Amino acid sequence: MKKILFVLAVTAVLAGCKTKEPLYYHGQYNAVVYNYFKSDDMTVSEQVEVLEELINTAKAKNKNIAPGVHAHLGMLYFELGNANLGLEHFNIETELFPESKQYIDFLVNSAKGKS
């Protein structure tokens, strides 16, 4: 009887250990942000390529893009002088995450001040 209870207890514990999939797909986003601030290993263009690939991979895998990915990509496009793509990604960020609107507005105003 003790063996049966032990086996049931172990089974119950292991059944509760099932891992959940993350809510958002981050891909190499953390590496891009790190390289953005370090600015030694990757150019801005390379960072854009990685983020575009991350977005395409997430779409292909039917995953949700992590918060901040489109905002960061928009900021990078502004740095490259492509304001249209920058604004497009800022708009996507606010559509996906409406709570980011104030921050995106700040970024847009800052970018307009630089141009």
Protein backbone atom coordinates (compact mmCIF):
# COMPACT_ATOMS: atom_id res chain seq x y z
CA MET A 1 0.00 0.00 0.00
CA LYS A 2 2.88 2.38 0.80
CA LYS A 3 4.42 1.67 -2.61
CA ILE A 4 1.17 2.52 -4.38
CA LEU A 5 0.85 5.80 -2.45
CA PHE A 6 4.48 6.62 -3.20
CA VAL A 7 4.01 5.94 -6.92
CA LEU A 8 0.83 8.04 -6.98
CA ALA A 9 2.58 10.90 -5.17
CA VAL A 10 5.54 10.82 -7.57
CA THR A 11 3.20 10.68 -10.56
CA ALA A 12 1.21 13.64 -9.26
CA VAL A 13 4.37 15.69 -8.70
CA LEU A 14 5.78 14.88 -12.14
CA ALA A 15 2.46 15.63 -13.82
CA GLY A 16 2.55 19.09 -12.26
CA CYS A 17 6.00 19.76 -13.72
CA LYS A 18 4.85 20.13 -17.32
CA THR A 19 6.53 23.18 -18.79
CA LYS A 20 4.47 25.87 -20.44
CA GLU A 21 5.50 27.60 -23.61
CA PRO A 22 6.53 31.23 -23.19
CA LEU A 23 3.85 33.81 -23.90
CA TYR A 24 6.10 35.77 -26.28
CA TYR A 25 8.82 34.87 -28.78
CA HIS A 26 12.08 36.70 -28.01
CA GLY A 27 14.49 35.01 -30.40
CA GLN A 28 17.79 36.93 -30.37
CA TYR A 29 16.19 40.15 -29.07
CA ASN A 30 18.28 40.26 -25.88
CA ALA A 31 21.50 39.88 -27.89
CA VAL A 32 20.47 42.74 -30.19
CA VAL A 33 19.70 45.06 -27.28
CA TYR A 34 23.02 44.15 -25.66
CA ASN A 35 24.88 44.85 -28.90
CA TYR A 36 23.01 48.10 -29.36
CA PHE A 37 24.37 49.47 -26.10
CA LYS A 38 27.77 47.84 -26.48
CA SER A 39 27.95 48.85 -30.17
CA ASP A 40 31.12 46.87 -30.81
CA ASP A 41 30.00 43.59 -32.30
CA MET A 42 27.03 44.43 -34.55
CA THR A 43 26.29 47.32 -36.83
CA VAL A 44 22.86 48.91 -36.79
CA SER A 45 22.12 47.23 -40.14
CA GLU A 46 23.04 43.83 -38.72
CA GLN A 47 20.78 44.45 -35.72
CA VAL A 48 17.93 45.31 -38.11
CA GLU A 49 18.51 42.06 -40.01
CA VAL A 50 18.39 40.01 -36.80
CA LEU A 51 15.18 41.66 -35.63
CA GLU A 52 13.51 41.29 -39.04
CA GLU A 53 14.47 37.61 -39.02
CA LEU A 54 13.11 37.28 -35.46
CA ILE A 55 9.78 38.76 -36.57
CA ASN A 56 9.59 36.49 -39.62
CA THR A 57 10.46 33.42 -37.53
CA ALA A 58 7.81 34.29 -34.95
CA LYS A 59 5.20 34.69 -37.69
CA ALA A 60 6.23 31.39 -39.29
CA LYS A 61 5.98 29.62 -35.92
CA ASN A 62 2.70 31.42 -35.15
CA LYS A 63 4.23 32.94 -32.00
CA ASN A 64 3.56 36.33 -30.39
CA ILE A 65 6.30 38.92 -30.82
CA ALA A 66 7.80 40.06 -27.51
CA PRO A 67 7.03 43.58 -26.30
CA GLY A 68 9.63 46.09 -27.42
CA VAL A 69 10.84 44.28 -30.55
CA HIS A 70 8.97 46.52 -33.00
CA ALA A 71 9.79 49.63 -30.95
CA HIS A 72 13.49 48.78 -30.98
CA LEU A 73 13.38 48.00 -34.69
CA GLY A 74 11.63 51.30 -35.35
CA MET A 75 14.32 53.13 -33.41
CA LEU A 76 17.02 51.38 -35.45
CA TYR A 77 15.30 52.36 -38.71
CA PHE A 78 15.26 55.98 -37.55
CA GLU A 79 19.00 55.71 -36.89
CA LEU A 80 19.47 54.46 -40.44
CA GLY A 81 17.50 57.43 -41.75
CA ASN A 82 14.40 55.46 -42.75
CA ALA A 83 11.69 57.33 -40.88
CA ASN A 84 8.85 55.63 -42.79
CA LEU A 85 9.84 52.13 -41.68
CA GLY A 86 10.60 53.49 -38.22
CA LEU A 87 7.10 54.91 -37.88
CA GLU A 88 5.60 51.72 -39.32
CA HIS A 89 7.22 49.60 -36.60
CA PHE A 90 6.30 52.11 -33.90
CA ASN A 91 2.67 51.86 -35.05
CA ILE A 92 2.82 48.05 -34.99
CA GLU A 93 4.19 48.21 -31.43
CA THR A 94 1.29 50.37 -30.25
CA GLU A 95 -1.23 48.12 -32.03
CA LEU A 96 0.19 45.02 -30.34
CA PHE A 97 0.78 46.69 -26.97
CA PRO A 98 -1.47 49.75 -26.49
CA GLU A 99 0.09 50.40 -23.09
CA SER A 100 3.31 51.40 -24.92
CA LYS A 101 1.70 54.39 -26.66
CA GLN A 102 3.16 57.02 -24.33
CA TYR A 103 6.66 55.64 -24.73
CA ILE A 104 6.28 55.34 -28.50
CA ASP A 105 5.05 58.94 -28.66
CA PHE A 106 8.17 59.94 -26.72
CA LEU A 107 10.37 58.05 -29.19
CA VAL A 108 8.64 59.63 -32.19
CA ASN A 109 9.05 63.13 -30.74
CA SER A 110 12.70 62.42 -29.95
CA ALA A 111 13.31 61.09 -33.46
CA LYS A 112 11.64 64.12 -35.01
CA GLY A 113 13.90 66.36 -32.96
CA LYS A 114 16.97 64.65 -34.42
CA SER A 115 15.90 65.02 -38.06
